[in-house]
Protein backbone atom coordinates (compact mmCIF):
# COMPACT_ATOMS: atom_id res chain seq x y z
CA MET A 1 21.48 -8.72 31.14
CA ARG A 2 20.05 -8.37 27.62
CA VAL A 3 22.23 -9.10 24.59
CA SER A 4 22.35 -5.46 23.45
CA ASP A 5 23.31 -4.24 26.95
CA SER A 6 26.07 -6.87 27.19
CA LEU A 7 27.64 -5.72 23.88
CA VAL A 8 27.70 -1.93 24.28
CA ILE A 9 30.94 -1.65 26.32
CA PRO A 10 32.85 -4.39 24.37
CA ILE A 11 31.97 -2.65 21.07
CA GLN A 12 32.94 0.78 22.45
CA ASN A 13 36.27 -0.73 23.60
CA ALA A 14 36.81 -2.33 20.17
CA ILE A 15 36.20 0.99 18.36
CA GLN A 16 38.54 2.80 20.77
CA GLU A 17 41.31 0.21 20.28
CA LEU A 18 40.93 -0.18 16.51
CA PHE A 19 40.17 3.40 15.45
CA SER A 20 41.06 5.57 18.49
CA VAL A 21 37.50 6.92 18.53
CA SER A 22 35.18 7.03 21.54
CA LEU A 23 31.56 6.40 20.65
CA GLU A 24 28.69 7.07 23.06
CA LYS A 25 25.82 5.39 21.25
CA ILE A 26 25.73 2.04 19.47
CA GLU A 27 22.80 1.38 17.13
CA PHE A 28 21.38 -2.17 17.16
CA GLN A 29 18.54 -3.81 15.31
CA VAL A 30 17.05 -7.30 15.00
CA THR A 31 18.95 -9.47 12.50
CA ARG A 32 16.93 -10.06 9.35
CA LYS A 33 15.64 -13.62 8.98
CA GLU A 34 17.66 -14.32 5.81
CA PHE A 35 21.00 -13.72 7.56
CA GLU A 36 22.75 -15.66 10.30
CA GLY A 37 22.89 -13.72 13.56
CA ASP A 38 21.10 -12.89 16.80
CA ILE A 39 21.63 -9.14 16.86
CA THR A 40 22.86 -6.64 14.28
CA MET A 41 25.05 -3.59 14.79
CA VAL A 42 24.48 -0.78 12.27
CA ILE A 43 27.86 0.42 10.95
CA PHE A 44 26.73 3.46 8.93
CA PRO A 45 26.57 5.95 11.87
CA LEU A 46 30.32 5.27 12.47
CA LEU A 47 31.21 6.72 9.05
CA LYS A 48 30.69 10.22 10.49
CA VAL A 49 33.74 9.71 12.73
CA ILE A 50 35.68 6.88 11.04
CA LYS A 51 36.83 7.17 7.42
CA GLY A 52 36.76 3.91 5.49
CA ASN A 53 34.73 1.15 3.89
CA PRO A 54 31.76 0.08 6.10
CA ILE A 55 32.34 -3.63 5.28
CA GLU A 56 36.00 -3.45 6.35
CA ILE A 57 35.09 -1.53 9.52
CA GLY A 58 32.46 -4.19 10.33
CA GLN A 59 34.95 -7.02 9.70
CA LYS A 60 37.51 -5.50 12.09
CA ILE A 61 34.94 -4.91 14.88
CA GLY A 62 33.48 -8.43 14.41
CA GLN A 63 36.89 -10.10 14.59
CA HIS A 64 37.78 -8.10 17.72
CA LEU A 65 34.52 -9.23 19.40
CA VAL A 66 35.08 -12.92 18.56
CA GLU A 67 38.62 -12.77 20.01
CA ASN A 68 37.74 -10.80 23.16
CA VAL A 69 34.06 -11.34 24.10
CA GLU A 70 33.04 -14.72 25.49
CA GLN A 71 29.41 -14.69 24.31
CA VAL A 72 30.24 -13.73 20.69
CA GLU A 73 30.74 -16.94 18.66
CA LYS A 74 30.99 -15.64 15.09
CA PHE A 75 29.87 -12.82 12.81
CA ASN A 76 29.17 -11.84 9.21
CA VAL A 77 28.99 -8.44 7.54
CA VAL A 78 26.37 -7.54 4.93
CA SER A 79 27.06 -4.05 3.44
CA GLY A 80 26.87 -1.74 6.48
CA PHE A 81 25.46 -4.28 8.95
CA LEU A 82 27.45 -6.42 11.39
CA ASN A 83 25.43 -9.57 12.21
CA ILE A 84 26.59 -11.11 15.50
CA VAL A 85 25.97 -14.72 16.60
CA ILE A 86 25.61 -15.10 20.39
CA SER A 87 26.44 -18.32 22.26
CA ASP A 88 23.81 -20.70 23.63
CA THR A 89 25.47 -20.34 27.04
CA PHE A 90 24.61 -16.63 27.16
CA TYR A 91 20.95 -17.26 26.26
CA LEU A 92 20.64 -20.10 28.77
CA HIS A 93 22.12 -17.92 31.51
CA TYR A 94 19.72 -15.10 30.55
CA PHE A 95 16.73 -17.46 30.51
CA ASN A 96 17.63 -18.89 33.94
CA SER A 97 17.70 -15.33 35.33
CA ILE A 98 14.30 -14.27 33.91
CA ARG A 99 12.43 -17.48 34.67
CA LYS A 100 12.83 -16.75 38.40
CA THR A 101 11.58 -13.16 38.00
CA SER A 102 7.94 -13.01 39.06
CA HIS A 103 6.99 -9.70 37.37
CA PHE A 104 9.36 -9.91 34.42
CA GLY A 105 9.13 -6.81 32.23
CA HIS A 106 7.55 -4.62 34.93
CA VAL A 107 9.49 -1.77 36.54
CA SER A 108 8.95 -0.95 40.22
CA GLU A 109 7.21 2.36 40.90
CA SER A 110 9.74 5.19 41.01
CA THR A 111 9.40 7.57 43.96
CA SER A 112 11.26 10.28 42.03
CA ASP A 113 8.82 10.24 39.08
CA LYS A 114 5.62 12.26 39.13
CA ALA A 115 2.33 10.35 38.97
CA VAL A 116 0.13 10.24 35.86
CA MET A 117 -3.65 10.66 35.95
CA VAL A 118 -5.56 8.78 33.24
CA GLU A 119 -9.13 9.89 32.49
CA TYR A 120 -11.50 7.57 30.67
CA SER A 121 -15.17 6.61 30.32
CA SER A 122 -16.64 10.07 31.15
CA PRO A 123 -20.25 9.20 30.25
CA ASN A 124 -23.47 11.21 30.19
CA THR A 125 -26.01 10.17 32.81
CA ASN A 126 -28.95 10.08 30.41
CA LYS A 127 -28.33 6.69 28.78
CA PRO A 128 -26.44 3.39 29.18
CA LEU A 129 -22.86 2.86 28.04
CA HIS A 130 -22.50 1.80 24.39
CA LEU A 131 -19.94 0.27 22.02
CA GLY A 132 -17.97 3.54 21.78
CA HIS A 133 -17.70 3.65 25.58
CA ILE A 134 -16.33 0.09 25.52
CA ARG A 135 -13.43 1.15 23.29
CA ASN A 136 -12.88 4.21 25.49
CA ASN A 137 -12.88 2.24 28.76
CA LEU A 138 -10.67 -0.55 27.44
CA LEU A 139 -8.13 1.91 26.03
CA GLY A 140 -8.04 4.07 29.16
CA TYR A 141 -7.81 1.14 31.57
CA SER A 142 -5.12 -0.62 29.52
CA VAL A 143 -2.99 2.51 29.04
CA ALA A 144 -3.20 3.13 32.81
CA GLU A 145 -2.02 -0.45 33.52
CA ILE A 146 0.80 -0.19 30.96
CA ILE A 147 2.05 3.15 32.37
CA LYS A 148 1.95 1.59 35.85
CA ALA A 149 3.99 -1.40 34.61
CA SER A 150 6.52 1.01 33.09
CA GLY A 151 7.34 2.30 36.59
CA LYS A 152 5.03 5.26 37.21
CA LYS A 153 2.32 5.79 39.80
CA VAL A 154 -1.09 6.05 38.11
CA TYR A 155 -4.48 7.40 39.16
CA LYS A 156 -7.55 6.37 37.14
CA THR A 157 -10.34 8.92 37.00
CA GLN A 158 -13.40 10.01 35.07
CA ILE A 159 -15.56 13.10 34.73
CA VAL A 160 -19.28 12.29 34.84
CA ASN A 161 -21.39 14.58 32.65
CA ASP A 162 -24.28 14.74 35.12
CA ARG A 163 -25.84 18.10 34.23
CA GLY A 164 -27.27 19.94 31.23
CA ILE A 165 -30.24 19.80 28.90
CA HIS A 166 -29.74 16.10 28.01
CA ILE A 167 -30.25 15.06 31.66
CA CYS A 168 -33.36 17.25 31.91
CA LYS A 169 -34.84 15.53 28.84
CA SER A 170 -34.74 12.13 30.59
CA MET A 171 -36.07 13.63 33.83
CA LEU A 172 -38.96 15.39 32.11
CA ALA A 173 -39.93 12.31 30.07
CA TRP A 174 -39.92 10.20 33.26
CA GLN A 175 -42.23 12.74 34.94
CA LYS A 176 -44.59 12.69 31.95
CA PHE A 177 -44.58 9.01 30.95
CA GLY A 178 -42.91 7.11 33.80
CA ASN A 179 -45.85 6.47 36.11
CA GLY A 180 -43.43 6.29 39.04
CA LYS A 181 -41.44 3.36 37.59
CA THR A 182 -38.09 2.54 39.23
CA PRO A 183 -35.28 0.04 38.51
CA GLU A 184 -36.69 -2.11 41.33
CA SER A 185 -40.29 -2.07 40.05
CA THR A 186 -39.28 -2.80 36.42
CA GLY A 187 -36.29 -5.11 37.01
CA LEU A 188 -34.30 -2.90 34.61
CA LYS A 189 -30.79 -1.61 35.25
CA GLY A 190 -31.05 2.06 36.25
CA ASP A 191 -29.06 3.36 33.27
CA LYS A 192 -31.33 1.39 30.90
CA LEU A 193 -34.48 2.78 32.52
CA VAL A 194 -33.26 6.39 32.31
CA GLY A 195 -32.05 5.80 28.74
CA ASN A 196 -35.55 4.64 27.75
CA TYR A 197 -36.95 8.01 28.83
CA TYR A 198 -34.29 9.86 26.82
CA VAL A 199 -35.56 7.94 23.76
CA ALA A 200 -39.20 8.64 24.79
CA PHE A 201 -38.42 12.38 24.99
CA ASP A 202 -36.96 12.34 21.48
CA LYS A 203 -40.00 10.52 20.09
CA GLN A 204 -42.41 13.03 21.67
CA TYR A 205 -40.24 15.98 20.55
CA LYS A 206 -40.26 14.80 16.92
CA SER A 207 -44.03 14.30 17.07
CA GLU A 208 -44.56 17.87 18.36
CA ILE A 209 -42.22 19.30 15.69
CA SER A 210 -44.20 17.51 12.93
CA GLU A 211 -47.46 18.83 14.36
CA LEU A 212 -46.19 22.46 14.45
CA ILE A 213 -44.81 22.18 10.89
CA SER A 214 -48.22 20.93 9.72
CA LYS A 215 -49.70 24.10 11.28
CA GLY A 216 -47.44 26.31 9.16
CA GLN A 217 -44.30 26.82 11.24
CA SER A 218 -40.84 26.40 9.69
CA GLU A 219 -38.71 23.49 10.93
CA ASP A 220 -36.42 25.85 12.88
CA GLU A 221 -39.41 27.56 14.51
CA ALA A 222 -41.03 24.21 15.35
CA LYS A 223 -37.81 22.96 17.00
CA LYS A 224 -37.77 26.08 19.24
CA ASN A 225 -41.49 26.20 19.96
CA ALA A 226 -42.24 22.51 20.66
CA PRO A 227 -43.73 22.55 24.19
CA ILE A 228 -41.64 19.64 25.45
CA ILE A 229 -38.28 21.30 24.62
CA GLN A 230 -39.43 24.51 26.29
CA GLU A 231 -40.35 22.54 29.40
CA ALA A 232 -36.92 20.83 29.39
CA GLN A 233 -35.20 24.24 29.11
CA GLN A 234 -37.28 25.52 32.04
CA MET A 235 -36.30 22.44 34.07
CA LEU A 236 -32.61 23.22 33.41
CA LEU A 237 -33.15 26.77 34.68
CA ASP A 238 -34.93 25.35 37.76
CA TRP A 239 -31.98 22.98 38.33
CA GLU A 240 -29.49 25.86 38.09
CA ALA A 241 -31.67 27.85 40.53
CA GLY A 242 -31.60 24.90 42.97
CA LYS A 243 -35.35 24.19 42.93
CA PRO A 244 -35.67 21.42 45.59
CA GLU A 245 -38.02 19.02 43.78
CA VAL A 246 -35.94 19.22 40.55
CA ILE A 247 -32.68 18.63 42.48
CA GLU A 248 -34.30 15.69 44.30
CA LEU A 249 -35.43 14.04 41.04
CA TRP A 250 -32.01 14.73 39.46
CA LYS A 251 -30.22 13.04 42.38
CA THR A 252 -32.58 10.04 42.33
CA MET A 253 -32.34 9.40 38.58
CA ASN A 254 -28.57 9.96 38.50
CA GLN A 255 -28.13 7.41 41.30
CA TRP A 256 -30.10 4.89 39.25
CA VAL A 257 -27.65 5.50 36.42
CA TYR A 258 -24.53 5.24 38.63
CA ASP A 259 -25.72 1.90 40.01
CA GLY A 260 -26.18 0.67 36.44
CA PHE A 261 -22.81 2.00 35.28
CA ASN A 262 -21.04 0.32 38.21
CA GLN A 263 -22.48 -3.02 37.17
CA THR A 264 -21.25 -2.49 33.60
CA TYR A 265 -17.77 -1.44 34.79
CA LYS A 266 -17.56 -4.53 37.00
CA ASN A 267 -18.54 -6.83 34.12
CA LEU A 268 -16.08 -5.10 31.81
CA GLY A 269 -13.33 -5.37 34.45
CA VAL A 270 -12.39 -1.67 34.70
CA ASP A 271 -12.07 0.49 37.81
CA PHE A 272 -11.43 4.07 38.97
CA ASP A 273 -9.59 5.72 41.85
CA SER A 274 -11.59 8.96 41.77
CA TYR A 275 -14.68 10.52 40.19
CA TYR A 276 -15.33 14.12 39.18
CA TYR A 277 -18.85 15.35 38.50
CA GLU A 278 -19.67 18.14 36.07
CA SER A 279 -22.27 19.50 38.52
CA ASN A 280 -19.36 20.18 40.90
CA THR A 281 -16.79 21.30 38.32
CA TYR A 282 -18.80 23.52 35.95
CA LEU A 283 -18.12 26.59 38.11
CA LEU A 284 -14.39 25.79 38.43
CA GLY A 285 -12.16 27.80 36.17
CA LYS A 286 -13.99 31.10 36.51
CA GLU A 287 -11.41 32.42 38.99
CA VAL A 288 -8.66 31.33 36.55
CA VAL A 289 -10.24 33.59 33.92
CA GLN A 290 -9.62 36.59 36.22
CA PHE A 291 -6.00 35.47 36.70
CA GLY A 292 -5.61 35.15 32.90
CA LEU A 293 -7.02 38.64 32.35
CA GLU A 294 -4.58 40.15 34.86
CA LYS A 295 -1.66 38.36 33.15
CA GLY A 296 -2.80 39.54 29.71
CA ILE A 297 -3.33 35.97 28.52
CA PHE A 298 -7.10 36.51 28.10
CA GLU A 299 -8.84 39.59 26.68
CA ARG A 300 -12.30 41.03 27.34
CA ASP A 301 -14.52 42.02 24.40
CA PRO A 302 -16.82 45.09 24.51
CA ASP A 303 -19.84 42.83 25.23
CA GLY A 304 -18.12 41.54 28.39
CA SER A 305 -17.20 38.08 27.03
CA VAL A 306 -13.63 36.84 27.62
CA TRP A 307 -11.48 35.28 24.88
CA ILE A 308 -7.99 33.97 24.23
CA ASP A 309 -6.35 34.72 20.89
CA LEU A 310 -4.37 31.71 19.67
CA THR A 311 -4.00 32.80 16.02
CA GLU A 312 -0.21 33.18 16.40
CA ASP A 313 -0.12 29.51 17.47
CA GLY A 314 -1.98 28.42 14.32
CA LEU A 315 -5.34 28.09 16.11
CA ASP A 316 -8.18 30.63 16.42
CA ARG A 317 -9.78 32.89 19.02
CA LYS A 318 -11.52 30.86 21.71
CA ILE A 319 -14.19 32.05 24.15
CA VAL A 320 -13.56 31.18 27.82
CA LEU A 321 -16.42 33.14 29.45
CA ARG A 322 -19.74 34.24 27.93
CA SER A 323 -20.91 37.85 28.13
CA ASP A 324 -23.48 36.86 30.81
CA GLY A 325 -20.63 35.51 32.97
CA THR A 326 -21.41 31.80 32.43
CA ALA A 327 -18.62 29.32 31.81
CA VAL A 328 -18.12 27.28 28.63
CA TYR A 329 -16.77 23.70 28.44
CA MET A 330 -13.24 24.99 27.94
CA THR A 331 -13.36 26.98 31.21
CA GLN A 332 -14.68 23.94 33.03
CA ASP A 333 -11.90 21.70 31.65
CA ILE A 334 -9.27 24.27 32.66
CA GLY A 335 -10.69 24.38 36.19
CA THR A 336 -11.03 20.59 36.46
CA ALA A 337 -7.40 20.01 35.42
CA ILE A 338 -6.18 22.51 38.04
CA GLN A 339 -8.44 20.98 40.71
CA ARG A 340 -7.08 17.50 40.01
CA VAL A 341 -3.51 18.59 40.69
CA LYS A 342 -4.71 20.24 43.92
CA ASP A 343 -6.44 16.97 44.92
CA PHE A 344 -3.46 14.79 43.91
CA PRO A 345 -0.33 16.95 44.38
CA ASP A 346 2.00 14.23 43.09
CA VAL A 347 0.37 14.31 39.61
CA GLY A 348 2.77 15.61 36.97
CA GLY A 349 0.84 14.73 33.82
CA MET A 350 -2.57 13.65 32.54
CA VAL A 351 -3.93 11.44 29.78
CA TYR A 352 -7.41 12.20 28.40
CA THR A 353 -9.09 9.26 26.65
CA VAL A 354 -11.57 11.02 24.36
CA GLY A 355 -12.70 10.42 20.76
CA ASN A 356 -10.94 12.11 17.84
CA GLU A 357 -13.86 14.52 17.25
CA GLN A 358 -12.42 16.44 20.23
CA ASP A 359 -8.86 16.75 18.82
CA TYR A 360 -9.10 20.52 18.37
CA HIS A 361 -10.62 21.07 21.83
CA PHE A 362 -7.65 19.39 23.51
CA LYS A 363 -5.06 21.26 21.41
CA VAL A 364 -6.63 24.49 22.68
CA LEU A 365 -7.01 23.27 26.29
CA PHE A 366 -3.37 22.13 26.56
CA LEU A 367 -2.09 25.35 25.00
CA ILE A 368 -4.14 27.54 27.38
CA LEU A 369 -2.86 25.60 30.42
CA LYS A 370 0.74 26.03 29.18
CA LYS A 371 0.20 29.77 28.69
CA LEU A 372 -1.19 30.00 32.23
CA GLY A 373 2.22 28.72 33.37
CA PHE A 374 1.45 25.30 34.86
CA GLU A 375 4.54 23.08 34.77
CA TRP A 376 2.46 19.90 34.49
CA ALA A 377 0.79 21.28 31.35
CA GLU A 378 3.92 20.18 29.45
CA HIS A 379 2.90 16.56 30.17
CA LEU A 380 -0.71 16.39 28.95
CA TYR A 381 -1.71 13.87 26.30
CA HIS A 382 -4.94 13.42 24.38
CA LEU A 383 -5.42 9.67 23.83
CA SER A 384 -7.48 10.26 20.70
CA TYR A 385 -9.25 7.29 19.16
CA GLY A 386 -11.36 6.58 16.09
CA MET A 387 -15.00 5.68 15.73
CA VAL A 388 -16.12 2.07 16.23
CA GLU A 389 -18.20 0.77 13.36
CA LEU A 390 -20.09 -2.47 12.98
CA PRO A 391 -20.49 -4.49 9.76
CA SER A 392 -24.04 -3.05 9.57
CA GLY A 393 -22.79 0.57 9.65
CA LYS A 394 -22.13 3.31 12.20
CA MET A 395 -23.64 3.36 15.66
CA LYS A 396 -26.85 5.35 15.99
CA SER A 397 -27.91 7.58 18.86
CA ARG A 398 -31.20 8.92 20.32
CA GLU A 399 -33.51 6.56 18.38
CA GLY A 400 -32.70 3.71 20.77
CA THR A 401 -30.81 1.60 18.21
CA VAL A 402 -27.37 2.20 19.72
CA VAL A 403 -25.23 -0.89 20.44
CA ASP A 404 -25.59 -1.35 24.19
CA ALA A 405 -22.42 -2.29 26.13
CA ASP A 406 -24.18 -4.80 28.43
CA ASP A 407 -25.99 -6.48 25.53
CA LEU A 408 -22.75 -6.75 23.57
CA MET A 409 -20.95 -8.42 26.50
CA VAL A 410 -23.81 -10.93 26.87
CA GLU A 411 -23.77 -11.59 23.11
CA MET A 412 -19.98 -12.14 23.13
CA THR A 413 -20.30 -14.62 26.02
CA GLN A 414 -23.07 -16.52 24.20
CA THR A 415 -21.11 -16.60 20.93
CA ALA A 416 -18.04 -17.93 22.77
CA GLY A 417 -20.22 -20.62 24.38
CA LYS A 418 -21.67 -21.67 21.03
CA ILE A 419 -18.22 -22.02 19.43
CA ALA A 420 -16.76 -23.81 22.49
CA GLN A 421 -19.64 -26.33 22.41
CA GLU A 422 -19.12 -26.93 18.69
CA LEU A 423 -15.42 -27.63 19.31
CA GLY A 424 -16.57 -30.10 21.97
CA LYS A 425 -13.72 -29.88 24.49
CA LEU A 426 -15.72 -29.31 27.66
CA GLU A 427 -15.94 -32.80 29.18
CA GLY A 428 -15.90 -32.74 32.97
CA TYR A 429 -16.89 -29.08 33.27
CA SER A 430 -19.75 -28.14 35.60
CA GLU A 431 -22.35 -25.72 34.20
CA GLU A 432 -20.91 -22.95 36.41
CA GLU A 433 -17.37 -23.61 35.10
CA LYS A 434 -18.66 -23.55 31.52
CA GLN A 435 -20.38 -20.17 31.99
CA ARG A 436 -17.26 -18.73 33.63
CA LEU A 437 -15.12 -20.00 30.73
CA TYR A 438 -17.52 -18.59 28.11
CA LYS A 439 -17.30 -15.17 29.77
CA ILE A 440 -13.47 -15.26 29.89
CA ILE A 441 -13.33 -16.21 26.20
CA GLY A 442 -16.10 -13.83 25.08
CA LEU A 443 -14.75 -10.78 26.91
CA GLY A 444 -11.19 -11.73 25.96
CA ALA A 445 -12.26 -11.78 22.31
CA LEU A 446 -13.97 -8.39 22.62
CA LYS A 447 -11.09 -6.70 24.46
CA TYR A 448 -8.31 -8.10 22.29
CA PHE A 449 -10.12 -7.21 19.06
CA MET A 450 -10.58 -3.64 20.30
CA LEU A 451 -7.04 -3.22 21.63
CA LYS A 452 -4.95 -4.85 18.88
CA VAL A 453 -5.85 -1.94 16.58
CA ASP A 454 -3.91 1.32 16.79
CA PRO A 455 -6.11 3.67 18.90
CA LYS A 456 -6.09 6.43 16.29
CA LYS A 457 -7.66 4.22 13.62
CA THR A 458 -11.38 3.94 13.01
CA MET A 459 -12.18 0.29 13.55
CA LEU A 460 -14.72 -2.19 12.26
CA PHE A 461 -15.80 -4.49 15.08
CA ASN A 462 -16.95 -7.88 13.86
CA PRO A 463 -18.19 -10.00 16.82
CA GLU A 464 -18.05 -13.32 14.92
CA GLU A 465 -14.52 -12.71 13.65
CA SER A 466 -13.28 -11.69 17.11
CA VAL A 467 -14.26 -15.06 18.67
CA ASP A 468 -12.44 -17.11 16.02
CA PHE A 469 -10.10 -19.64 17.66
CA ASN A 470 -7.56 -19.14 14.84
CA GLY A 471 -5.59 -16.08 13.77
CA ASN A 472 -4.86 -12.83 15.56
CA THR A 473 -7.64 -13.15 18.17
CA GLY A 474 -8.01 -13.29 21.95
CA PRO A 475 -9.33 -16.90 22.01
CA PHE A 476 -6.38 -18.12 19.88
CA ILE A 477 -3.95 -16.67 22.45
CA GLN A 478 -6.02 -17.91 25.40
CA TYR A 479 -6.06 -21.40 23.87
CA THR A 480 -2.24 -21.41 23.68
CA TYR A 481 -2.04 -20.36 27.34
CA ALA A 482 -4.43 -23.18 28.32
CA ARG A 483 -2.33 -25.64 26.28
CA ILE A 484 0.78 -24.59 28.24
CA GLN A 485 -1.06 -25.08 31.55
CA SER A 486 -2.01 -28.59 30.38
CA ILE A 487 1.69 -29.35 29.71
CA LEU A 488 2.60 -28.10 33.20
CA ARG A 489 -0.07 -30.30 34.82
CA LYS A 490 1.23 -33.38 33.00
CA ALA A 491 4.95 -32.66 33.42
CA GLU A 492 6.48 -34.63 36.27
CA VAL A 493 9.80 -32.78 36.39
CA ASP A 494 11.73 -30.60 38.82
CA LEU A 495 11.29 -27.04 37.48
CA THR A 496 13.64 -25.47 40.04
CA GLU A 497 16.80 -26.82 38.40
CA ASP A 498 18.87 -24.45 36.23
CA CYS A 499 19.48 -25.88 32.77
CA VAL A 500 23.03 -25.43 31.48
CA ASN A 501 25.24 -27.17 28.90
CA ILE A 502 22.37 -27.58 26.43
CA ILE A 503 22.61 -27.06 22.68
CA LEU A 504 19.68 -24.82 21.82
CA GLN A 505 17.47 -25.54 18.83
CA PRO A 506 16.96 -22.44 16.63
CA LYS A 507 13.25 -22.31 17.65
CA GLU A 508 14.20 -22.37 21.36
CA LYS A 509 16.69 -19.58 20.82
CA ASP A 510 14.11 -17.55 18.86
CA LEU A 511 11.65 -17.86 21.77
CA ILE A 512 14.19 -16.59 24.32
CA LYS A 513 15.16 -13.72 21.99
CA LEU A 514 11.52 -12.70 21.66
CA MET A 515 10.90 -12.93 25.42
CA GLU A 516 13.95 -10.72 25.94
CA THR A 517 12.15 -7.85 24.17
CA TYR A 518 9.13 -7.84 26.54
CA PRO A 519 10.47 -5.15 28.95
CA THR A 520 11.15 -2.87 25.95
CA VAL A 521 7.67 -3.59 24.56
CA ILE A 522 6.08 -2.35 27.83
CA GLN A 523 8.20 0.84 27.81
CA ASN A 524 7.42 1.50 24.12
CA ALA A 525 3.69 0.93 24.69
CA ALA A 526 3.74 3.34 27.67
CA GLN A 527 5.55 6.03 25.67
CA ALA A 528 3.20 5.60 22.68
CA TYR A 529 0.05 5.21 24.85
CA SER A 530 -0.74 2.18 22.70
CA PRO A 531 -2.04 -1.16 24.02
CA ALA A 532 -1.78 -2.41 20.41
CA ILE A 533 2.01 -2.72 20.88
CA VAL A 534 1.49 -5.16 23.80
CA ALA A 535 -1.35 -7.03 22.03
CA ASN A 536 0.67 -7.65 18.89
CA PHE A 537 3.78 -8.66 20.86
CA VAL A 538 1.74 -11.32 22.72
CA TYR A 539 0.38 -12.59 19.39
CA ASP A 540 3.91 -12.81 17.95
CA LEU A 541 5.08 -14.70 21.06
CA VAL A 542 2.18 -17.16 20.76
CA LYS A 543 2.90 -17.75 17.05
CA GLU A 544 6.59 -18.37 17.89
CA TYR A 545 5.63 -20.74 20.72
CA ASN A 546 3.18 -22.71 18.55
CA SER A 547 5.87 -23.10 15.90
CA PHE A 548 8.22 -24.46 18.62
CA TYR A 549 5.44 -26.71 20.01
CA GLN A 550 4.70 -28.23 16.58
CA ALA A 551 8.36 -28.88 15.70
CA ILE A 552 10.04 -29.91 18.96
CA PRO A 553 9.01 -32.65 21.44
CA ILE A 554 8.37 -31.39 24.97
CA LEU A 555 6.94 -34.13 27.23
CA PRO A 556 7.88 -37.00 24.85
CA GLU A 557 11.55 -35.85 24.89
CA LYS A 558 13.72 -38.69 26.31
CA ASP A 559 16.64 -36.55 27.46
CA GLU A 560 15.58 -35.37 30.94
CA LYS A 561 17.61 -32.12 30.85
CA LEU A 562 16.02 -31.11 27.56
CA ARG A 563 12.53 -32.08 28.79
CA ILE A 564 12.96 -29.95 31.95
CA PHE A 565 14.26 -27.01 29.92
CA ARG A 566 11.39 -27.15 27.40
CA VAL A 567 8.78 -27.31 30.17
CA GLN A 568 10.49 -24.33 31.87
CA LEU A 569 10.49 -22.48 28.55
CA SER A 570 6.76 -23.22 28.11
CA LYS A 571 6.03 -22.04 31.67
CA LYS A 572 7.79 -18.70 31.11
CA VAL A 573 5.97 -18.13 27.82
CA GLY A 574 2.70 -18.78 29.68
CA GLU A 575 3.63 -16.26 32.39
CA ILE A 576 4.40 -13.58 29.79
CA ILE A 577 1.10 -14.26 27.95
CA GLN A 578 -0.73 -13.89 31.28
CA SER A 579 1.22 -10.71 32.13
CA GLY A 580 0.69 -9.12 28.71
CA PHE A 581 -3.01 -9.96 28.72
CA ALA A 582 -3.39 -8.54 32.26
CA LEU A 583 -2.09 -5.22 30.87
CA LEU A 584 -4.96 -5.40 28.37
CA GLY A 585 -7.45 -6.29 31.12
CA ILE A 586 -7.90 -9.83 29.73
CA GLU A 587 -8.11 -13.00 31.81
CA VAL A 588 -6.60 -16.31 30.72
CA PRO A 589 -8.24 -19.71 31.43
CA GLU A 590 -6.38 -22.62 33.02
CA ARG A 591 -8.28 -25.04 30.76
CA MET A 592 -10.11 -24.71 27.47
């Protein structure tokens, strides 16, 4: 039992006895470093029901606890705060209970709770994944793992944007300039090959625009009249009409891309339980429009288009069906959400991992679904995140200068290898073991750097800084984990024995107190949809452990009981580092 849980009833009893008042909620906070104490009770809320001086009230409650509660050793009151000192015996008993818990901090899946579906990645099939997709995938995957650890069933999904003019641009350019090249014939990943033709289309398009402008057309006219864009628009019409040769090429090139994406996902360490494809979902939602019209939620304009008026909700009028009867993105997203609940009936909420440029879109989408009367629409969340920038400036598109996800992962692995070699701690490693270690460190650096930042913030990703072995970085934390594993390999002690009757050093007590907060950290991170909460907790734990490691002997300790306890303490810290990093999708090495 945690300290706060163990004190609630004794404090309620004390208040009842001393002041004849029954109090439901007790407010606790961490004791400030400058005061003696392990946990602090806030007295001020009591003043609503108890008349008197907060210091005197605190003194009376503190004295009552010392006299009646075994684990309370002493107390002090600072203005309206009661600082309580807890016995070593309590902390040792607590530590002995958690060190035997294999998934400490995790809550078993509740059968009574509805499942949550987390959508992430959701790429276009006309180019490879880039740096922005990396942030998206890491956030979505980590949030899914954290929600799962908090006790809910989770489904991971994505919607693949596999149709539209952008796909036709790559297809057309391949027809014109590809000479029948395939991933097999070129040795290129399929998504890279298709992406090259998207860039080739853009180059040709710009060339044709320049030529038409030189012949007297305005820029707007040239953009409309360039032959290659007209051909791409015709190809889209042919696709929508189901022209066999266009459909065949579309299927072939998309499969190239999926094969490439799957390789990237595997390297990045993310996975999915289901896939939705825009080519299957773009017609969904049209029947919902009819339902909305009948209910008076939607309204039809004289030109036949259908709208929803959200001005009373502080938003604007939004089109849900064009006058020619074709769906817009909003209609498609409405239909896809409904379809997902049909496919997974136990889903009671969804998380959409999409950049902050879509904030307004999701406000409208969620509001429409609520107005349509879906119960699960009350539990929709837009995991909005900021742009990723590099020291050299924002990521570019179309021109082929975008930061490629695969290239970045390779670069991170190479950078990690270079730094590891400079540190010179790789004696006895085979070449294969070295490469594996470089990948664990490089990807750990990338993932941690991305996830330690609050999702909503725009972030500057600095590859060199992320692989630093000091400071708030993945490698620094991984190094501490490896150090702990080294201690465990050298320790020749019986780790099964419970350690009691030990006087705890302040640094040992601080470590146990910090470990005690891990279950709350997971719940808070799940509620806030923020992996940064877990990342920064693990960093704080590692800093606390390193402070303990520097100040207190572990293996050199002569007293066997103390040596056993300190090795056990190290082992549990290592387990929590491994657990916290697993929630971020980061591996930890046994040696470094």
